[in-house]
Amino acid sequence: ESWVQLQAEEIEALNSIFDEKQWKRDENDTQRTYTLTIDQRPERTISLELTFVDGYPTDRPLIYNIRAPWLRGQERQELTNILENIY
């Protein structure tokens, strides 16, 4: 399978798991960038921005950005480490 097909399958799976409020595509981006928002409490929202770059998942890792201003120090580092181990 090519990376294009694998990406399409992964995005389709994520589309079926998360609703439109949680999982959104950045329509202004020329790449395939999506944002997953987890909103347990307004002051504890975490957004994970994922960019499906050319070559992901076979040749290159996914690019991600964590947006959670309240998450600092050890907790933020632990989340970053988990994501780096996955991708």
C-alpha atoms as a PDB file:
ATOM      1  CA  GLU A   1       0.000   0.000   0.000  1.00  0.00           C
ATOM      2  CA  SER A   2       1.174   3.504  -0.703  1.00  0.00           C
ATOM      3  CA  TRP A   3       1.448   6.208   1.944  1.00  0.00           C
ATOM      4  CA  VAL A   4      -1.366   8.094   0.195  1.00  0.00           C
ATOM      5  CA  GLN A   5      -3.754   5.192   0.656  1.00  0.00           C
ATOM      6  CA  LEU A   6      -2.619   4.572   4.239  1.00  0.00           C
ATOM      7  CA  GLN A   7      -3.169   8.246   5.111  1.00  0.00           C
ATOM      8  CA  ALA A   8      -6.616   8.231   3.550  1.00  0.00           C
ATOM      9  CA  GLU A   9      -7.553   5.137   5.572  1.00  0.00           C
ATOM     10  CA  GLU A  10      -6.243   6.661   8.808  1.00  0.00           C
ATOM     11  CA  ILE A  11      -8.092   9.935   8.236  1.00  0.00           C
ATOM     12  CA  GLU A  12     -11.277   8.031   7.380  1.00  0.00           C
ATOM     13  CA  ALA A  13     -10.973   6.030  10.610  1.00  0.00           C
ATOM     14  CA  LEU A  14     -10.455   9.210  12.657  1.00  0.00           C
ATOM     15  CA  ASN A  15     -13.440  10.822  10.914  1.00  0.00           C
ATOM     16  CA  SER A  16     -15.589   7.897  12.029  1.00  0.00           C
ATOM     17  CA  ILE A  17     -14.339   7.987  15.644  1.00  0.00           C
ATOM     18  CA  PHE A  18     -14.593  11.704  16.400  1.00  0.00           C
ATOM     19  CA  ASP A  19     -17.445  14.094  15.715  1.00  0.00           C
ATOM     20  CA  GLU A  20     -17.106  17.351  13.777  1.00  0.00           C
ATOM     21  CA  LYS A  21     -16.737  19.357  16.977  1.00  0.00           C
ATOM     22  CA  GLN A  22     -13.699  17.341  18.084  1.00  0.00           C
ATOM     23  CA  TRP A  23     -12.017  16.570  14.734  1.00  0.00           C
ATOM     24  CA  LYS A  24     -11.678  19.361  12.176  1.00  0.00           C
ATOM     25  CA  ARG A  25      -9.654  19.860   9.036  1.00  0.00           C
ATOM     26  CA  ASP A  26      -7.930  23.190   8.532  1.00  0.00           C
ATOM     27  CA  GLU A  27      -9.478  24.163   5.204  1.00  0.00           C
ATOM     28  CA  ASN A  28      -7.041  27.058   4.731  1.00  0.00           C
ATOM     29  CA  ASP A  29      -3.993  24.803   4.918  1.00  0.00           C
ATOM     30  CA  THR A  30      -2.495  23.424   1.714  1.00  0.00           C
ATOM     31  CA  GLN A  31      -1.349  20.326   3.596  1.00  0.00           C
ATOM     32  CA  ARG A  32      -3.563  17.832   5.348  1.00  0.00           C
ATOM     33  CA  THR A  33      -3.791  19.401   8.816  1.00  0.00           C
ATOM     34  CA  TYR A  34      -6.430  18.377  11.317  1.00  0.00           C
ATOM     35  CA  THR A  35      -7.094  19.425  14.890  1.00  0.00           C
ATOM     36  CA  LEU A  36      -8.360  17.039  17.551  1.00  0.00           C
ATOM     37  CA  THR A  37      -9.837  18.913  20.512  1.00  0.00           C
ATOM     38  CA  ILE A  38     -10.500  17.250  23.844  1.00  0.00           C
ATOM     39  CA  ASP A  39     -12.632  19.501  25.995  1.00  0.00           C
ATOM     40  CA  GLN A  40     -13.336  18.011  29.400  1.00  0.00           C
ATOM     41  CA  ARG A  41     -13.602  21.406  31.058  1.00  0.00           C
ATOM     42  CA  PRO A  42     -13.211  24.805  29.391  1.00  0.00           C
ATOM     43  CA  GLU A  43     -10.078  25.603  31.369  1.00  0.00           C
ATOM     44  CA  ARG A  44      -8.569  22.168  30.556  1.00  0.00           C
ATOM     45  CA  THR A  45      -8.972  21.937  26.794  1.00  0.00           C
ATOM     46  CA  ILE A  46      -6.250  20.137  24.854  1.00  0.00           C
ATOM     47  CA  SER A  47      -5.924  20.532  21.105  1.00  0.00           C
ATOM     48  CA  LEU A  48      -3.641  18.297  19.113  1.00  0.00           C
ATOM     49  CA  GLU A  49      -2.848  19.602  15.649  1.00  0.00           C
ATOM     50  CA  LEU A  50      -1.787  16.822  13.267  1.00  0.00           C
ATOM     51  CA  THR A  51      -0.244  17.416   9.862  1.00  0.00           C
ATOM     52  CA  PHE A  52      -0.228  14.412   7.537  1.00  0.00           C
ATOM     53  CA  VAL A  53       2.932  15.167   5.561  1.00  0.00           C
ATOM     54  CA  ASP A  54       3.868  13.548   2.269  1.00  0.00           C
ATOM     55  CA  GLY A  55       5.440  10.183   3.052  1.00  0.00           C
ATOM     56  CA  TYR A  56       3.596   9.589   6.334  1.00  0.00           C
ATOM     57  CA  PRO A  57       3.282   6.851   7.597  1.00  0.00           C
ATOM     58  CA  THR A  58       5.733   4.797   5.555  1.00  0.00           C
ATOM     59  CA  ASP A  59       8.695   7.180   5.252  1.00  0.00           C
ATOM     60  CA  ARG A  60       8.152  10.202   7.492  1.00  0.00           C
ATOM     61  CA  PRO A  61       6.578  10.862  10.869  1.00  0.00           C
ATOM     62  CA  LEU A  62       3.418  12.835  11.422  1.00  0.00           C
ATOM     63  CA  ILE A  63       3.959  16.452  12.529  1.00  0.00           C
ATOM     64  CA  TYR A  64       2.056  17.361  15.664  1.00  0.00           C
ATOM     65  CA  ASN A  65       1.621  20.400  17.861  1.00  0.00           C
ATOM     66  CA  ILE A  66       0.081  20.361  21.354  1.00  0.00           C
ATOM     67  CA  ARG A  67      -2.036  23.347  22.310  1.00  0.00           C
ATOM     68  CA  ALA A  68      -2.787  23.356  26.026  1.00  0.00           C
ATOM     69  CA  PRO A  69      -1.588  26.548  27.738  1.00  0.00           C
ATOM     70  CA  TRP A  70      -2.448  25.139  31.152  1.00  0.00           C
ATOM     71  CA  LEU A  71      -0.312  22.013  30.653  1.00  0.00           C
ATOM     72  CA  ARG A  72       3.216  22.665  31.881  1.00  0.00           C
ATOM     73  CA  GLY A  73       6.326  21.046  33.228  1.00  0.00           C
ATOM     74  CA  GLN A  74       6.397  17.322  33.885  1.00  0.00           C
ATOM     75  CA  GLU A  75       2.855  16.665  32.593  1.00  0.00           C
ATOM     76  CA  ARG A  76       3.553  18.387  29.276  1.00  0.00           C
ATOM     77  CA  GLN A  77       6.853  16.527  28.895  1.00  0.00           C
ATOM     78  CA  GLU A  78       5.168  13.193  29.604  1.00  0.00           C
ATOM     79  CA  LEU A  79       2.546  13.841  26.925  1.00  0.00           C
ATOM     80  CA  THR A  80       5.244  14.923  24.462  1.00  0.00           C
ATOM     81  CA  ASN A  81       7.239  11.750  25.187  1.00  0.00           C
ATOM     82  CA  ILE A  82       4.181   9.557  24.602  1.00  0.00           C
ATOM     83  CA  LEU A  83       3.489  11.223  21.263  1.00  0.00           C
ATOM     84  CA  GLU A  84       7.126  10.938  20.184  1.00  0.00           C
ATOM     85  CA  ASN A  85       7.077   7.218  20.975  1.00  0.00           C
ATOM     86  CA  ILE A  86       3.916   6.754  18.905  1.00  0.00           C
ATOM     87  CA  TYR A  87       5.020   8.785  15.905  1.00  0.00           C
END
